[in-house]
Amino acid sequence: MEYLGVWEKIKNPDFNYPEFGVIGQEAGTNRFIMSAGQWIDRTKAIGMLVKAGRYGGTFAHKDIAFHFAMWLSPEFQIYLINAFQRLKDDENNRLNLEWSVQRTISKINYHIHTDAIKENLIPKEITRQQAGFVYANEADLLNVALFGTTAKERRDRNPGKTGNIRDHAALEQLVVLSNMESINALLIKPGLTQGQRLLQLNQVAITQMRSLIENKTIKRLNDQK
């Protein structure tokens, strides 16, 4: 019962927590009886579901089902922990692969040498109005320099689209973005305003994107996606 209350408090904004407190007091008496349906009705719980009829029954969210099964069976708990550890090992292996890709990307930064241009990826020069605008944070400053828009502006233009602006970036854009973060840190030290830094970062983005478009290593990585 305590676990159900904590789970609902975390997962369910409409959970009737005061009523849960009343139930907790009642649970200490010998006459206490509560069905899953009563629990749902009294607390507005969402972690469990009761269906009537031929194919009905009591169903629970997997978190609750796992917890209940572990309470019933120590053997099940051991199997579940082993499965979790195996999945974490798989995740770590994937992270190691991503680290190798990052090393490859770092090498690419030493080979910015071609001049080919792909118009749909080359950043546009920002306007004076954009340069004079004070952005909420440095991340949006970089977004405008590279993508020509803030994260919020992108969300407003694409309602319902999942992920942030950088989740949908091309590999070339991510390489340039990584470089721009370091350059921005250097530009901050002498006290340049956001508008001054935005103009310089935008030019950096344009120049480097032009150089990276036809880079052979980048092409191979894109082909492997």
Protein backbone atom coordinates (compact mmCIF):
# COMPACT_ATOMS: atom_id res chain seq x y z
CA MET A 1 0.00 0.00 0.00
CA GLU A 2 2.84 2.38 0.81
CA TYR A 3 4.50 1.63 -2.53
CA LEU A 4 1.25 2.28 -4.41
CA GLY A 5 0.90 5.64 -2.67
CA VAL A 6 4.46 6.72 -3.51
CA TRP A 7 4.10 5.55 -7.14
CA GLU A 8 0.85 7.49 -7.61
CA LYS A 9 2.30 10.60 -5.95
CA ILE A 10 5.18 10.61 -8.47
CA LYS A 11 3.24 9.56 -11.59
CA ASN A 12 -0.27 10.92 -11.04
CA PRO A 13 -0.86 14.68 -10.65
CA ASP A 14 -4.53 14.05 -9.76
CA PHE A 15 -3.79 11.53 -7.01
CA ASN A 16 -5.91 12.15 -3.91
CA TYR A 17 -3.07 12.17 -1.40
CA PRO A 18 -5.20 13.29 1.60
CA GLU A 19 -7.51 10.34 1.04
CA PHE A 20 -4.45 8.08 0.85
CA GLY A 21 -3.55 9.32 4.33
CA VAL A 22 -6.99 8.30 5.59
CA ILE A 23 -6.60 4.86 4.00
CA GLY A 24 -3.21 4.48 5.68
CA GLN A 25 -4.80 5.00 9.07
CA GLU A 26 -7.59 2.53 8.27
CA ALA A 27 -5.06 -0.07 7.13
CA GLY A 28 -3.83 -0.46 10.70
CA THR A 29 -7.13 -1.93 11.88
CA ASN A 30 -8.17 -5.58 11.80
CA ARG A 31 -11.37 -4.81 9.90
CA PHE A 32 -9.55 -3.16 6.99
CA ILE A 33 -10.49 -4.57 3.58
CA MET A 34 -9.98 -2.82 0.25
CA SER A 35 -10.41 -4.01 -3.32
CA ALA A 36 -8.50 -2.64 -6.28
CA GLY A 37 -11.69 -0.93 -7.47
CA GLN A 38 -12.16 0.81 -4.12
CA TRP A 39 -8.53 1.96 -4.18
CA ILE A 40 -9.03 3.49 -7.62
CA ASP A 41 -12.34 5.18 -6.73
CA ARG A 42 -11.13 6.69 -3.47
CA THR A 43 -7.70 7.94 -4.58
CA LYS A 44 -8.17 8.50 -8.35
CA ALA A 45 -5.28 6.08 -8.86
CA ILE A 46 -4.05 5.40 -12.40
CA GLY A 47 -1.55 2.62 -11.71
CA MET A 48 -4.20 -0.09 -11.62
CA LEU A 49 -7.21 -0.90 -13.78
CA VAL A 50 -10.21 -3.14 -13.12
CA LYS A 51 -12.20 -4.50 -16.08
CA ALA A 52 -15.44 -6.44 -15.76
CA GLY A 53 -16.75 -9.08 -18.13
CA ARG A 54 -15.51 -12.29 -19.70
CA TYR A 55 -12.04 -11.01 -20.47
CA GLY A 56 -11.88 -8.71 -17.49
CA GLY A 57 -9.58 -8.72 -14.51
CA THR A 58 -7.26 -6.51 -12.51
CA PHE A 59 -4.35 -5.00 -14.39
CA ALA A 60 -1.42 -2.94 -13.12
CA HIS A 61 1.35 -0.78 -14.53
CA LYS A 62 4.55 -2.78 -15.06
CA ASP A 63 6.29 -0.92 -12.20
CA ILE A 64 3.62 -2.13 -9.79
CA ALA A 65 3.50 -5.62 -11.32
CA PHE A 66 7.27 -6.00 -10.96
CA HIS A 67 7.22 -4.75 -7.38
CA PHE A 68 4.40 -7.14 -6.46
CA ALA A 69 6.14 -10.07 -8.16
CA MET A 70 9.41 -9.31 -6.32
CA TRP A 71 7.49 -9.21 -3.03
CA LEU A 72 6.00 -12.62 -3.82
CA SER A 73 9.12 -14.31 -5.18
CA PRO A 74 12.77 -13.73 -4.25
CA GLU A 75 13.69 -15.87 -7.27
CA PHE A 76 11.86 -13.48 -9.60
CA GLN A 77 13.67 -10.55 -7.97
CA ILE A 78 17.06 -12.14 -8.71
CA TYR A 79 16.11 -12.77 -12.36
CA LEU A 80 14.87 -9.20 -12.72
CA ILE A 81 18.06 -7.73 -11.24
CA ASN A 82 20.18 -9.89 -13.55
CA ALA A 83 18.15 -8.69 -16.55
CA PHE A 84 18.57 -5.07 -15.47
CA GLN A 85 22.32 -5.50 -15.10
CA ARG A 86 22.53 -7.09 -18.57
CA LEU A 87 20.64 -4.16 -20.09
CA LYS A 88 22.97 -1.69 -18.33
CA ASP A 89 25.96 -3.55 -19.76
CA ASP A 90 24.41 -3.29 -23.24
CA GLU A 91 23.85 0.42 -22.68
CA ASN A 92 27.46 0.92 -21.63
CA ASN A 93 28.61 -0.88 -24.77
CA ARG A 94 26.51 1.50 -26.88
CA LEU A 95 27.99 4.46 -25.02
CA ASN A 96 31.46 3.19 -25.82
CA LEU A 97 30.47 3.06 -29.49
CA GLU A 98 29.17 6.64 -29.30
CA TRP A 99 32.47 7.66 -27.71
CA SER A 100 34.30 6.15 -30.71
CA VAL A 101 32.08 8.17 -33.04
CA GLN A 102 32.92 11.31 -31.04
CA ARG A 103 36.62 10.56 -31.51
CA THR A 104 36.04 10.29 -35.26
CA ILE A 105 34.18 13.61 -35.23
CA SER A 106 37.13 15.20 -33.41
CA LYS A 107 39.44 14.01 -36.18
CA ILE A 108 37.15 15.56 -38.77
CA ASN A 109 37.78 18.98 -37.24
CA TYR A 110 41.36 18.77 -38.54
CA HIS A 111 40.18 18.27 -42.11
CA ILE A 112 38.05 21.32 -42.80
CA HIS A 113 39.51 22.02 -46.22
CA THR A 114 36.97 21.67 -49.04
CA ASP A 115 34.82 24.48 -50.43
CA ALA A 116 31.74 22.62 -51.67
CA ILE A 117 28.38 24.08 -50.59
CA LYS A 118 25.03 22.43 -50.01
CA GLU A 119 22.51 25.28 -49.84
CA ASN A 120 20.01 23.66 -47.48
CA LEU A 121 22.63 23.26 -44.72
CA ILE A 122 24.69 26.43 -44.99
CA PRO A 123 23.51 28.92 -42.33
CA LYS A 124 22.06 32.22 -43.54
CA GLU A 125 23.59 35.47 -42.42
CA ILE A 126 21.69 36.83 -39.45
CA THR A 127 19.90 40.16 -39.61
CA ARG A 128 20.81 43.27 -37.62
CA GLN A 129 17.58 42.79 -35.67
CA GLN A 130 18.67 39.31 -34.61
CA ALA A 131 22.11 40.60 -33.68
CA GLY A 132 20.59 43.19 -31.37
CA PHE A 133 18.27 40.78 -29.62
CA VAL A 134 19.23 39.60 -26.12
CA TYR A 135 18.70 35.85 -25.93
CA ALA A 136 17.60 34.03 -22.81
CA ASN A 137 20.70 31.84 -22.68
CA GLU A 138 23.89 31.02 -24.51
CA ALA A 139 22.41 27.84 -26.01
CA ASP A 140 19.89 29.90 -27.98
CA LEU A 141 22.67 32.25 -29.05
CA LEU A 142 24.38 29.28 -30.72
CA ASN A 143 21.07 28.04 -32.13
CA VAL A 144 20.47 31.37 -33.89
CA ALA A 145 24.05 31.53 -35.19
CA LEU A 146 23.83 28.04 -36.70
CA PHE A 147 20.15 27.30 -37.33
CA GLY A 148 18.82 30.85 -37.67
CA THR A 149 16.19 30.32 -34.97
CA THR A 150 15.76 29.84 -31.23
CA ALA A 151 14.52 26.59 -29.72
CA LYS A 152 11.17 28.19 -28.83
CA GLU A 153 10.68 29.63 -32.31
CA ARG A 154 11.33 26.21 -33.77
CA ARG A 155 8.79 24.57 -31.41
CA ASP A 156 6.16 27.21 -32.23
CA ARG A 157 6.61 26.56 -35.97
CA ASN A 158 6.42 22.78 -35.53
CA PRO A 159 3.70 22.00 -32.96
CA GLY A 160 3.64 18.36 -31.95
CA LYS A 161 7.11 17.61 -33.30
CA THR A 162 9.14 15.67 -30.76
CA GLY A 163 12.76 16.34 -29.83
CA ASN A 164 14.64 19.60 -29.62
CA ILE A 165 16.28 21.55 -32.41
CA ARG A 166 19.59 19.73 -31.99
CA ASP A 167 18.02 16.26 -32.08
CA HIS A 168 17.17 16.86 -35.74
CA ALA A 169 20.49 18.44 -36.72
CA ALA A 170 22.70 16.98 -39.46
CA LEU A 171 26.03 15.47 -38.46
CA GLU A 172 27.86 18.41 -40.04
CA GLN A 173 25.83 20.83 -37.93
CA LEU A 174 26.67 18.95 -34.73
CA VAL A 175 30.39 19.13 -35.54
CA VAL A 176 30.20 22.88 -36.13
CA LEU A 177 28.07 23.34 -33.02
CA SER A 178 30.74 21.64 -30.91
CA ASN A 179 33.37 24.00 -32.35
CA MET A 180 31.17 27.04 -31.78
CA GLU A 181 30.76 26.24 -28.09
CA SER A 182 34.52 26.49 -27.61
CA ILE A 183 34.79 29.64 -29.72
CA ASN A 184 31.93 31.29 -27.83
CA ALA A 185 33.74 30.66 -24.53
CA LEU A 186 36.80 32.46 -25.91
CA LEU A 187 34.70 35.39 -27.15
CA ILE A 188 33.04 35.82 -23.75
CA LYS A 189 36.36 36.40 -21.95
CA PRO A 190 37.20 39.80 -23.55
CA GLY A 191 33.68 41.01 -22.75
CA LEU A 192 32.05 40.96 -26.19
CA THR A 193 28.31 41.55 -26.12
CA GLN A 194 25.89 38.84 -27.25
CA GLY A 195 25.20 40.78 -30.43
CA GLN A 196 28.91 41.00 -31.28
CA ARG A 197 29.48 37.35 -30.52
CA LEU A 198 26.41 36.34 -32.54
CA LEU A 199 27.77 38.05 -35.66
CA GLN A 200 31.14 36.34 -35.32
CA LEU A 201 29.68 32.92 -34.50
CA ASN A 202 27.34 33.14 -37.48
CA GLN A 203 30.30 33.73 -39.79
CA VAL A 204 32.13 30.80 -38.19
CA ALA A 205 29.09 28.59 -38.78
CA ILE A 206 28.83 29.59 -42.44
CA THR A 207 32.54 29.06 -43.12
CA GLN A 208 32.82 25.71 -41.38
CA MET A 209 29.58 24.32 -42.82
CA ARG A 210 30.84 25.12 -46.31
CA SER A 211 34.05 23.27 -45.54
CA LEU A 212 32.40 20.20 -44.05
CA ILE A 213 29.69 19.51 -46.61
CA GLU A 214 31.85 17.42 -48.94
CA ASN A 215 34.23 16.06 -46.31
CA LYS A 216 34.70 12.35 -47.13
CA THR A 217 34.79 11.17 -43.52
CA ILE A 218 31.51 12.95 -42.79
CA LYS A 219 29.99 11.35 -45.88
CA ARG A 220 30.95 7.87 -44.65
CA LEU A 221 29.41 8.52 -41.24
CA ASN A 222 26.19 9.78 -42.83
CA ASP A 223 26.04 6.68 -45.05
CA GLN A 224 26.28 4.48 -41.95
CA LYS A 225 23.28 6.11 -40.22
